Amino acid sequence: MRKRSVGINVRVSVTEKRKMTLMAKRCGLSLSEYLRQRALGYEPGGHPPKEVFDILDKLDEIAENCSAREGAAINAQTDRMRDSLIGGN
């Protein structure tokens, strides 16, 4: 891990800080890491809320109670959704 020993102080408004904090949270990053990535030219991706994955898990449970053919189709669709949400292929 890199040793980070130098700080940078930046003054922002309360509204700006709130927005930056929200954007960092959406990406699953600390505010410092989010700002570091943005400053270095990276564009962090959004992080779907846990509830999205909970819903996909419920769909998998529903698929278990369907016929084999219908269940396989539902599982295939939820797998595609998960891949899309987390950046899979």
N, C-alpha and C. Protein backbone atom coordinates (compact mmCIF):
# COMPACT_ATOMS: atom_id res chain seq x y z
N MET A 1 0.83 -1.18 0.00
CA MET A 1 0.00 0.00 0.00
C MET A 1 0.87 1.24 0.00
N ARG A 2 0.44 2.25 -0.72
CA ARG A 2 1.20 3.49 -0.79
C ARG A 2 1.13 4.23 0.53
N LYS A 3 2.21 4.89 0.85
CA LYS A 3 2.23 5.71 2.06
C LYS A 3 1.75 7.11 1.68
N ARG A 4 0.66 7.49 2.27
CA ARG A 4 0.10 8.81 2.00
C ARG A 4 0.35 9.68 3.22
N SER A 5 1.25 10.63 3.08
CA SER A 5 1.62 11.44 4.23
C SER A 5 1.40 12.93 4.01
N VAL A 6 0.95 13.32 2.83
CA VAL A 6 0.77 14.74 2.53
C VAL A 6 -0.72 15.01 2.36
N GLY A 7 -1.22 16.02 3.05
CA GLY A 7 -2.63 16.37 2.95
C GLY A 7 -2.85 17.55 2.02
N ILE A 8 -4.05 17.63 1.49
CA ILE A 8 -4.46 18.77 0.66
C ILE A 8 -5.76 19.29 1.28
N ASN A 9 -5.79 20.55 1.60
CA ASN A 9 -6.99 21.15 2.17
C ASN A 9 -7.72 21.96 1.10
N VAL A 10 -9.00 21.71 0.97
CA VAL A 10 -9.82 22.41 0.00
C VAL A 10 -11.08 22.88 0.71
N ARG A 11 -11.45 24.12 0.50
CA ARG A 11 -12.67 24.65 1.11
C ARG A 11 -13.82 24.51 0.12
N VAL A 12 -14.93 23.98 0.62
CA VAL A 12 -16.13 23.81 -0.19
C VAL A 12 -17.33 24.28 0.63
N SER A 13 -18.45 24.47 -0.04
CA SER A 13 -19.67 24.84 0.68
C SER A 13 -20.27 23.59 1.31
N VAL A 14 -21.21 23.79 2.22
CA VAL A 14 -21.90 22.67 2.85
C VAL A 14 -22.61 21.83 1.78
N THR A 15 -23.24 22.50 0.84
CA THR A 15 -23.96 21.79 -0.24
C THR A 15 -23.00 20.99 -1.10
N GLU A 16 -21.85 21.57 -1.44
CA GLU A 16 -20.86 20.84 -2.24
C GLU A 16 -20.36 19.61 -1.50
N LYS A 17 -20.07 19.76 -0.21
CA LYS A 17 -19.59 18.61 0.55
C LYS A 17 -20.65 17.52 0.62
N ARG A 18 -21.89 17.92 0.83
CA ARG A 18 -22.99 16.95 0.90
C ARG A 18 -23.08 16.18 -0.42
N LYS A 19 -22.99 16.88 -1.53
CA LYS A 19 -23.07 16.23 -2.84
C LYS A 19 -21.89 15.28 -3.06
N MET A 20 -20.69 15.73 -2.70
CA MET A 20 -19.51 14.87 -2.88
C MET A 20 -19.59 13.63 -2.01
N THR A 21 -20.07 13.79 -0.78
CA THR A 21 -20.21 12.67 0.13
C THR A 21 -21.23 11.67 -0.41
N LEU A 22 -22.34 12.17 -0.95
CA LEU A 22 -23.35 11.30 -1.54
C LEU A 22 -22.80 10.54 -2.74
N MET A 23 -22.07 11.23 -3.60
CA MET A 23 -21.49 10.57 -4.78
C MET A 23 -20.49 9.49 -4.35
N ALA A 24 -19.69 9.78 -3.34
CA ALA A 24 -18.72 8.79 -2.85
C ALA A 24 -19.45 7.57 -2.30
N LYS A 25 -20.50 7.81 -1.54
CA LYS A 25 -21.27 6.71 -0.96
C LYS A 25 -21.89 5.85 -2.05
N ARG A 26 -22.41 6.47 -3.09
CA ARG A 26 -23.00 5.73 -4.21
C ARG A 26 -21.98 4.82 -4.89
N CYS A 27 -20.71 5.22 -4.83
CA CYS A 27 -19.65 4.42 -5.44
C CYS A 27 -19.04 3.43 -4.45
N GLY A 28 -19.49 3.46 -3.21
CA GLY A 28 -18.94 2.56 -2.21
C GLY A 28 -17.55 2.95 -1.76
N LEU A 29 -17.23 4.25 -1.84
CA LEU A 29 -15.89 4.74 -1.49
C LEU A 29 -15.98 5.76 -0.36
N SER A 30 -14.86 5.91 0.34
CA SER A 30 -14.77 7.01 1.30
C SER A 30 -14.70 8.31 0.51
N LEU A 31 -14.99 9.41 1.17
CA LEU A 31 -14.91 10.71 0.49
C LEU A 31 -13.49 10.96 -0.01
N SER A 32 -12.49 10.64 0.82
CA SER A 32 -11.09 10.85 0.41
C SER A 32 -10.75 10.04 -0.83
N GLU A 33 -11.13 8.76 -0.84
CA GLU A 33 -10.80 7.91 -1.99
C GLU A 33 -11.54 8.37 -3.24
N TYR A 34 -12.80 8.76 -3.08
CA TYR A 34 -13.58 9.26 -4.21
C TYR A 34 -12.91 10.50 -4.82
N LEU A 35 -12.55 11.47 -3.97
CA LEU A 35 -11.92 12.69 -4.47
C LEU A 35 -10.55 12.39 -5.09
N ARG A 36 -9.80 11.47 -4.48
CA ARG A 36 -8.49 11.10 -5.02
C ARG A 36 -8.64 10.53 -6.42
N GLN A 37 -9.60 9.60 -6.59
CA GLN A 37 -9.80 8.98 -7.90
C GLN A 37 -10.24 10.01 -8.94
N ARG A 38 -11.16 10.89 -8.57
CA ARG A 38 -11.64 11.92 -9.50
C ARG A 38 -10.49 12.85 -9.90
N ALA A 39 -9.68 13.25 -8.92
CA ALA A 39 -8.57 14.17 -9.19
C ALA A 39 -7.52 13.54 -10.10
N LEU A 40 -7.38 12.21 -10.01
CA LEU A 40 -6.39 11.51 -10.83
C LEU A 40 -6.96 11.05 -12.16
N GLY A 41 -8.16 11.48 -12.49
CA GLY A 41 -8.72 11.20 -13.80
C GLY A 41 -9.58 9.95 -13.90
N TYR A 42 -9.81 9.28 -12.79
CA TYR A 42 -10.66 8.09 -12.82
C TYR A 42 -12.11 8.50 -12.63
N GLU A 43 -13.02 7.73 -13.17
CA GLU A 43 -14.44 7.96 -12.96
C GLU A 43 -15.02 6.75 -12.26
N PRO A 44 -15.11 6.80 -10.93
CA PRO A 44 -15.62 5.64 -10.19
C PRO A 44 -17.04 5.31 -10.61
N GLY A 45 -17.32 4.03 -10.71
CA GLY A 45 -18.66 3.60 -11.08
C GLY A 45 -19.59 3.62 -9.88
N GLY A 46 -20.86 3.70 -10.16
CA GLY A 46 -21.86 3.66 -9.10
C GLY A 46 -21.95 2.28 -8.49
N HIS A 47 -22.42 2.22 -7.30
CA HIS A 47 -22.56 0.96 -6.59
C HIS A 47 -24.04 0.76 -6.28
N PRO A 48 -24.67 -0.26 -6.87
CA PRO A 48 -26.10 -0.46 -6.62
C PRO A 48 -26.37 -0.72 -5.15
N PRO A 49 -27.51 -0.24 -4.65
CA PRO A 49 -27.84 -0.49 -3.25
C PRO A 49 -28.07 -1.98 -2.99
N LYS A 50 -27.86 -2.39 -1.76
CA LYS A 50 -28.02 -3.78 -1.34
C LYS A 50 -29.41 -4.30 -1.69
N GLU A 51 -30.42 -3.44 -1.61
CA GLU A 51 -31.79 -3.85 -1.88
C GLU A 51 -31.97 -4.40 -3.29
N VAL A 52 -31.21 -3.90 -4.23
CA VAL A 52 -31.29 -4.41 -5.61
C VAL A 52 -30.92 -5.89 -5.63
N PHE A 53 -29.85 -6.24 -4.93
CA PHE A 53 -29.40 -7.63 -4.90
C PHE A 53 -30.36 -8.49 -4.09
N ASP A 54 -30.96 -7.91 -3.06
CA ASP A 54 -31.97 -8.65 -2.29
C ASP A 54 -33.15 -9.04 -3.19
N ILE A 55 -33.57 -8.12 -4.05
CA ILE A 55 -34.67 -8.40 -4.97
C ILE A 55 -34.28 -9.50 -5.95
N LEU A 56 -33.08 -9.46 -6.47
CA LEU A 56 -32.63 -10.51 -7.39
C LEU A 56 -32.58 -11.87 -6.69
N ASP A 57 -32.17 -11.87 -5.42
CA ASP A 57 -32.18 -13.12 -4.65
C ASP A 57 -33.60 -13.66 -4.49
N LYS A 58 -34.56 -12.76 -4.26
CA LYS A 58 -35.96 -13.18 -4.15
C LYS A 58 -36.44 -13.79 -5.46
N LEU A 59 -36.04 -13.21 -6.58
CA LEU A 59 -36.41 -13.77 -7.88
C LEU A 59 -35.84 -15.17 -8.05
N ASP A 60 -34.63 -15.39 -7.55
CA ASP A 60 -34.04 -16.73 -7.60
C ASP A 60 -34.87 -17.72 -6.77
N GLU A 61 -35.36 -17.26 -5.62
CA GLU A 61 -36.21 -18.11 -4.79
C GLU A 61 -37.50 -18.47 -5.52
N ILE A 62 -38.07 -17.50 -6.20
CA ILE A 62 -39.29 -17.74 -6.99
C ILE A 62 -39.01 -18.77 -8.08
N ALA A 63 -37.85 -18.66 -8.70
CA ALA A 63 -37.48 -19.58 -9.78
C ALA A 63 -37.40 -21.02 -9.28
N GLU A 64 -36.99 -21.20 -8.02
CA GLU A 64 -36.90 -22.54 -7.45
C GLU A 64 -38.26 -23.21 -7.35
N ASN A 65 -39.32 -22.41 -7.25
CA ASN A 65 -40.67 -22.95 -7.12
C ASN A 65 -41.38 -23.08 -8.47
N CYS A 66 -40.68 -22.79 -9.54
CA CYS A 66 -41.26 -22.90 -10.88
C CYS A 66 -40.83 -24.23 -11.51
N SER A 67 -41.39 -24.49 -12.67
CA SER A 67 -40.95 -25.67 -13.41
C SER A 67 -39.47 -25.48 -13.77
N ALA A 68 -38.82 -26.59 -14.10
CA ALA A 68 -37.39 -26.53 -14.41
C ALA A 68 -37.10 -25.56 -15.54
N ARG A 69 -37.93 -25.60 -16.58
CA ARG A 69 -37.72 -24.73 -17.75
C ARG A 69 -37.93 -23.26 -17.39
N GLU A 70 -39.04 -22.97 -16.70
CA GLU A 70 -39.31 -21.59 -16.30
C GLU A 70 -38.26 -21.09 -15.31
N GLY A 71 -37.89 -21.93 -14.35
CA GLY A 71 -36.89 -21.57 -13.36
C GLY A 71 -35.55 -21.26 -13.99
N ALA A 72 -35.16 -22.06 -14.98
CA ALA A 72 -33.89 -21.82 -15.68
C ALA A 72 -33.92 -20.49 -16.41
N ALA A 73 -35.05 -20.15 -17.00
CA ALA A 73 -35.18 -18.88 -17.72
C ALA A 73 -35.09 -17.70 -16.75
N ILE A 74 -35.75 -17.82 -15.59
CA ILE A 74 -35.69 -16.75 -14.60
C ILE A 74 -34.27 -16.61 -14.06
N ASN A 75 -33.63 -17.73 -13.74
CA ASN A 75 -32.25 -17.67 -13.24
C ASN A 75 -31.30 -17.06 -14.26
N ALA A 76 -31.47 -17.40 -15.52
CA ALA A 76 -30.61 -16.83 -16.56
C ALA A 76 -30.78 -15.31 -16.62
N GLN A 77 -32.02 -14.87 -16.51
CA GLN A 77 -32.29 -13.42 -16.55
C GLN A 77 -31.71 -12.71 -15.34
N THR A 78 -31.89 -13.27 -14.15
CA THR A 78 -31.34 -12.62 -12.95
C THR A 78 -29.81 -12.62 -12.98
N ASP A 79 -29.21 -13.67 -13.55
CA ASP A 79 -27.75 -13.69 -13.70
C ASP A 79 -27.29 -12.56 -14.61
N ARG A 80 -28.03 -12.34 -15.70
CA ARG A 80 -27.68 -11.24 -16.62
C ARG A 80 -27.81 -9.89 -15.91
N MET A 81 -28.85 -9.75 -15.08
CA MET A 81 -29.03 -8.49 -14.34
C MET A 81 -27.89 -8.26 -13.36
N ARG A 82 -27.50 -9.31 -12.64
CA ARG A 82 -26.38 -9.17 -11.70
C ARG A 82 -25.11 -8.77 -12.44
N ASP A 83 -24.83 -9.45 -13.55
CA ASP A 83 -23.62 -9.11 -14.33
C ASP A 83 -23.66 -7.67 -14.79
N SER A 84 -24.81 -7.22 -15.23
CA SER A 84 -24.95 -5.84 -15.68
C SER A 84 -24.71 -4.86 -14.53
N LEU A 85 -25.23 -5.18 -13.35
CA LEU A 85 -25.09 -4.29 -12.20
C LEU A 85 -23.66 -4.21 -11.67
N ILE A 86 -22.94 -5.31 -11.72
CA ILE A 86 -21.59 -5.31 -11.14
C ILE A 86 -20.50 -5.25 -12.21
N GLY A 87 -20.89 -5.01 -13.45
CA GLY A 87 -19.90 -4.83 -14.49
C GLY A 87 -19.35 -6.09 -15.07
N GLY A 88 -20.09 -7.18 -14.97
CA GLY A 88 -19.67 -8.44 -15.58
C GLY A 88 -19.88 -8.42 -17.08
N ASN A 89 -19.61 -9.54 -17.74
CA ASN A 89 -19.77 -9.60 -19.20
C ASN A 89 -21.15 -10.04 -19.58
